[in-house]
Amino acid sequence: MFFGDYKKHSDAKINSSLLWEYNIDQVDYAKMRNVIVERVIERGWPDDWYALLNLYGVDGVISAIKELPYLNDKDMNFVTHVFNLPLAALKCYTNKQSARRHWNS
């Protein structure tokens, strides 16, 4: 795994600018797991990834990734390679595949 040494970075913190619209002192990290995981995937730096993995563990992050309703193609491919997941395991991928598209798009 790309972030396999995340336990060495136990002091890493999620950047509060990723959760700019929330009061960071009152964030319930358990309830907002999917939001936080999505923000780190979309805009996070390595320290944010280390903090995320220390906070939820690899299995918790993978579980959240599978539940996310939307990720762009680049982010989907990134997380499938980093966590060795098939694209079909992601809800955002199956939603995208089932969406009707115009014939020339």
C-alpha atoms as a PDB file:
ATOM      1  CA  MET A   1       0.000   0.000   0.000  1.00  0.00           C
ATOM      2  CA  PHE A   2       1.229   3.460  -0.895  1.00  0.00           C
ATOM      3  CA  PHE A   3       0.608   4.837   2.613  1.00  0.00           C
ATOM      4  CA  GLY A   4       1.820   1.673   4.369  1.00  0.00           C
ATOM      5  CA  ASP A   5       3.923   3.635   6.860  1.00  0.00           C
ATOM      6  CA  TYR A   6       0.981   5.691   8.146  1.00  0.00           C
ATOM      7  CA  LYS A   7       1.469   4.486  11.744  1.00  0.00           C
ATOM      8  CA  LYS A   8       4.808   6.322  11.846  1.00  0.00           C
ATOM      9  CA  HIS A   9       2.881   9.565  11.345  1.00  0.00           C
ATOM     10  CA  SER A  10       0.611   9.361  14.373  1.00  0.00           C
ATOM     11  CA  ASP A  11       0.909  13.106  14.947  1.00  0.00           C
ATOM     12  CA  ALA A  12      -0.583  13.985  11.536  1.00  0.00           C
ATOM     13  CA  LYS A  13      -3.800  15.985  11.587  1.00  0.00           C
ATOM     14  CA  ILE A  14      -6.470  16.549   8.969  1.00  0.00           C
ATOM     15  CA  ASN A  15      -6.165  20.067   7.623  1.00  0.00           C
ATOM     16  CA  SER A  16      -9.114  22.141   8.833  1.00  0.00           C
ATOM     17  CA  SER A  17      -9.361  23.838   5.435  1.00  0.00           C
ATOM     18  CA  LEU A  18     -10.713  20.563   4.008  1.00  0.00           C
ATOM     19  CA  LEU A  19     -13.721  20.980   6.277  1.00  0.00           C
ATOM     20  CA  TRP A  20     -14.002  24.720   5.836  1.00  0.00           C
ATOM     21  CA  GLU A  21     -17.796  24.885   6.248  1.00  0.00           C
ATOM     22  CA  TYR A  22     -17.811  23.041   9.585  1.00  0.00           C
ATOM     23  CA  ASN A  23     -16.705  24.144  13.025  1.00  0.00           C
ATOM     24  CA  ILE A  24     -13.651  21.919  13.339  1.00  0.00           C
ATOM     25  CA  ASP A  25     -13.904  21.861  17.147  1.00  0.00           C
ATOM     26  CA  GLN A  26     -17.392  20.346  16.967  1.00  0.00           C
ATOM     27  CA  VAL A  27     -16.912  17.837  14.135  1.00  0.00           C
ATOM     28  CA  ASP A  28     -18.082  14.326  14.984  1.00  0.00           C
ATOM     29  CA  TYR A  29     -15.457  12.303  13.138  1.00  0.00           C
ATOM     30  CA  ALA A  30     -17.455   9.072  13.432  1.00  0.00           C
ATOM     31  CA  LYS A  31     -20.646  10.488  11.915  1.00  0.00           C
ATOM     32  CA  MET A  32     -18.827  12.457   9.231  1.00  0.00           C
ATOM     33  CA  ARG A  33     -16.500   9.657   8.138  1.00  0.00           C
ATOM     34  CA  ASN A  34     -17.662   9.584   4.513  1.00  0.00           C
ATOM     35  CA  VAL A  35     -17.464  13.364   4.130  1.00  0.00           C
ATOM     36  CA  ILE A  36     -13.967  13.455   5.589  1.00  0.00           C
ATOM     37  CA  VAL A  37     -12.776  10.526   3.467  1.00  0.00           C
ATOM     38  CA  GLU A  38     -14.179  12.140   0.323  1.00  0.00           C
ATOM     39  CA  ARG A  39     -12.503  15.490   1.071  1.00  0.00           C
ATOM     40  CA  VAL A  40      -9.138  13.856   1.728  1.00  0.00           C
ATOM     41  CA  ILE A  41      -9.390  11.848  -1.493  1.00  0.00           C
ATOM     42  CA  GLU A  42     -10.306  14.922  -3.529  1.00  0.00           C
ATOM     43  CA  ARG A  43      -8.042  17.557  -1.966  1.00  0.00           C
ATOM     44  CA  GLY A  44      -5.846  16.013   0.720  1.00  0.00           C
ATOM     45  CA  TRP A  45      -2.079  16.113   1.098  1.00  0.00           C
ATOM     46  CA  PRO A  46      -0.047  13.157   2.403  1.00  0.00           C
ATOM     47  CA  ASP A  47      -0.408  14.344   6.016  1.00  0.00           C
ATOM     48  CA  ASP A  48      -4.187  14.324   5.577  1.00  0.00           C
ATOM     49  CA  TRP A  49      -3.986  10.735   4.313  1.00  0.00           C
ATOM     50  CA  TYR A  50      -1.829   9.699   7.270  1.00  0.00           C
ATOM     51  CA  ALA A  51      -4.277  11.297   9.697  1.00  0.00           C
ATOM     52  CA  LEU A  52      -7.214   9.662   7.917  1.00  0.00           C
ATOM     53  CA  LEU A  53      -5.659   6.208   8.095  1.00  0.00           C
ATOM     54  CA  ASN A  54      -4.710   6.671  11.754  1.00  0.00           C
ATOM     55  CA  LEU A  55      -8.227   7.871  12.555  1.00  0.00           C
ATOM     56  CA  TYR A  56     -10.276   5.187  10.767  1.00  0.00           C
ATOM     57  CA  GLY A  57      -7.779   2.439   9.962  1.00  0.00           C
ATOM     58  CA  VAL A  58      -7.326   0.902   6.532  1.00  0.00           C
ATOM     59  CA  ASP A  59     -10.537  -1.130   6.752  1.00  0.00           C
ATOM     60  CA  GLY A  60     -12.576   1.898   7.840  1.00  0.00           C
ATOM     61  CA  VAL A  61     -11.233   3.997   4.954  1.00  0.00           C
ATOM     62  CA  ILE A  62     -11.915   1.207   2.449  1.00  0.00           C
ATOM     63  CA  SER A  63     -15.439   0.799   3.788  1.00  0.00           C
ATOM     64  CA  ALA A  64     -16.078   4.525   3.416  1.00  0.00           C
ATOM     65  CA  ILE A  65     -14.611   4.585  -0.106  1.00  0.00           C
ATOM     66  CA  LYS A  66     -16.977   1.826  -1.161  1.00  0.00           C
ATOM     67  CA  GLU A  67     -19.961   3.843   0.125  1.00  0.00           C
ATOM     68  CA  LEU A  68     -19.140   7.211  -1.465  1.00  0.00           C
ATOM     69  CA  PRO A  69     -21.847   8.294  -3.918  1.00  0.00           C
ATOM     70  CA  TYR A  70     -19.497  10.279  -6.168  1.00  0.00           C
ATOM     71  CA  LEU A  71     -15.825  10.469  -7.087  1.00  0.00           C
ATOM     72  CA  ASN A  72     -14.396  11.730 -10.341  1.00  0.00           C
ATOM     73  CA  ASP A  73     -12.624   9.259 -12.635  1.00  0.00           C
ATOM     74  CA  LYS A  74      -9.133  10.267 -11.537  1.00  0.00           C
ATOM     75  CA  ASP A  75      -9.914   9.835  -7.845  1.00  0.00           C
ATOM     76  CA  MET A  76     -11.728   6.534  -8.454  1.00  0.00           C
ATOM     77  CA  ASN A  77      -8.734   5.118 -10.252  1.00  0.00           C
ATOM     78  CA  PHE A  78      -6.348   6.405  -7.591  1.00  0.00           C
ATOM     79  CA  VAL A  79      -8.162   4.764  -4.677  1.00  0.00           C
ATOM     80  CA  THR A  80      -8.670   1.490  -6.542  1.00  0.00           C
ATOM     81  CA  HIS A  81      -4.933   1.258  -7.165  1.00  0.00           C
ATOM     82  CA  VAL A  82      -3.841   2.396  -3.702  1.00  0.00           C
ATOM     83  CA  PHE A  83      -6.218   0.056  -1.862  1.00  0.00           C
ATOM     84  CA  ASN A  84      -6.258  -2.726  -4.473  1.00  0.00           C
ATOM     85  CA  LEU A  85     -10.016  -2.553  -5.026  1.00  0.00           C
ATOM     86  CA  PRO A  86     -11.959  -3.473  -8.144  1.00  0.00           C
ATOM     87  CA  LEU A  87     -13.824  -0.540  -9.674  1.00  0.00           C
ATOM     88  CA  ALA A  88     -17.079  -2.503  -9.454  1.00  0.00           C
ATOM     89  CA  ALA A  89     -16.780  -2.505  -5.633  1.00  0.00           C
ATOM     90  CA  LEU A  90     -17.282   1.278  -5.559  1.00  0.00           C
ATOM     91  CA  LYS A  91     -20.820   2.616  -5.292  1.00  0.00           C
ATOM     92  CA  CYS A  92     -19.788   5.723  -7.226  1.00  0.00           C
ATOM     93  CA  TYR A  93     -18.613   3.549 -10.139  1.00  0.00           C
ATOM     94  CA  THR A  94     -21.769   1.440 -10.280  1.00  0.00           C
ATOM     95  CA  ASN A  95     -23.905   4.602 -10.058  1.00  0.00           C
ATOM     96  CA  LYS A  96     -21.941   6.132 -12.904  1.00  0.00           C
ATOM     97  CA  GLN A  97     -22.350   3.027 -15.050  1.00  0.00           C
ATOM     98  CA  SER A  98     -26.112   2.908 -14.513  1.00  0.00           C
ATOM     99  CA  ALA A  99     -26.645   6.597 -15.287  1.00  0.00           C
ATOM    100  CA  ARG A 100     -28.269   7.221 -18.649  1.00  0.00           C
ATOM    101  CA  ARG A 101     -26.139   9.290 -20.975  1.00  0.00           C
ATOM    102  CA  HIS A 102     -26.892  11.099 -24.140  1.00  0.00           C
ATOM    103  CA  TRP A 103     -25.875   9.034 -27.175  1.00  0.00           C
ATOM    104  CA  ASN A 104     -23.009  11.345 -28.219  1.00  0.00           C
ATOM    105  CA  SER A 105     -21.477  12.108 -24.834  1.00  0.00           C
END
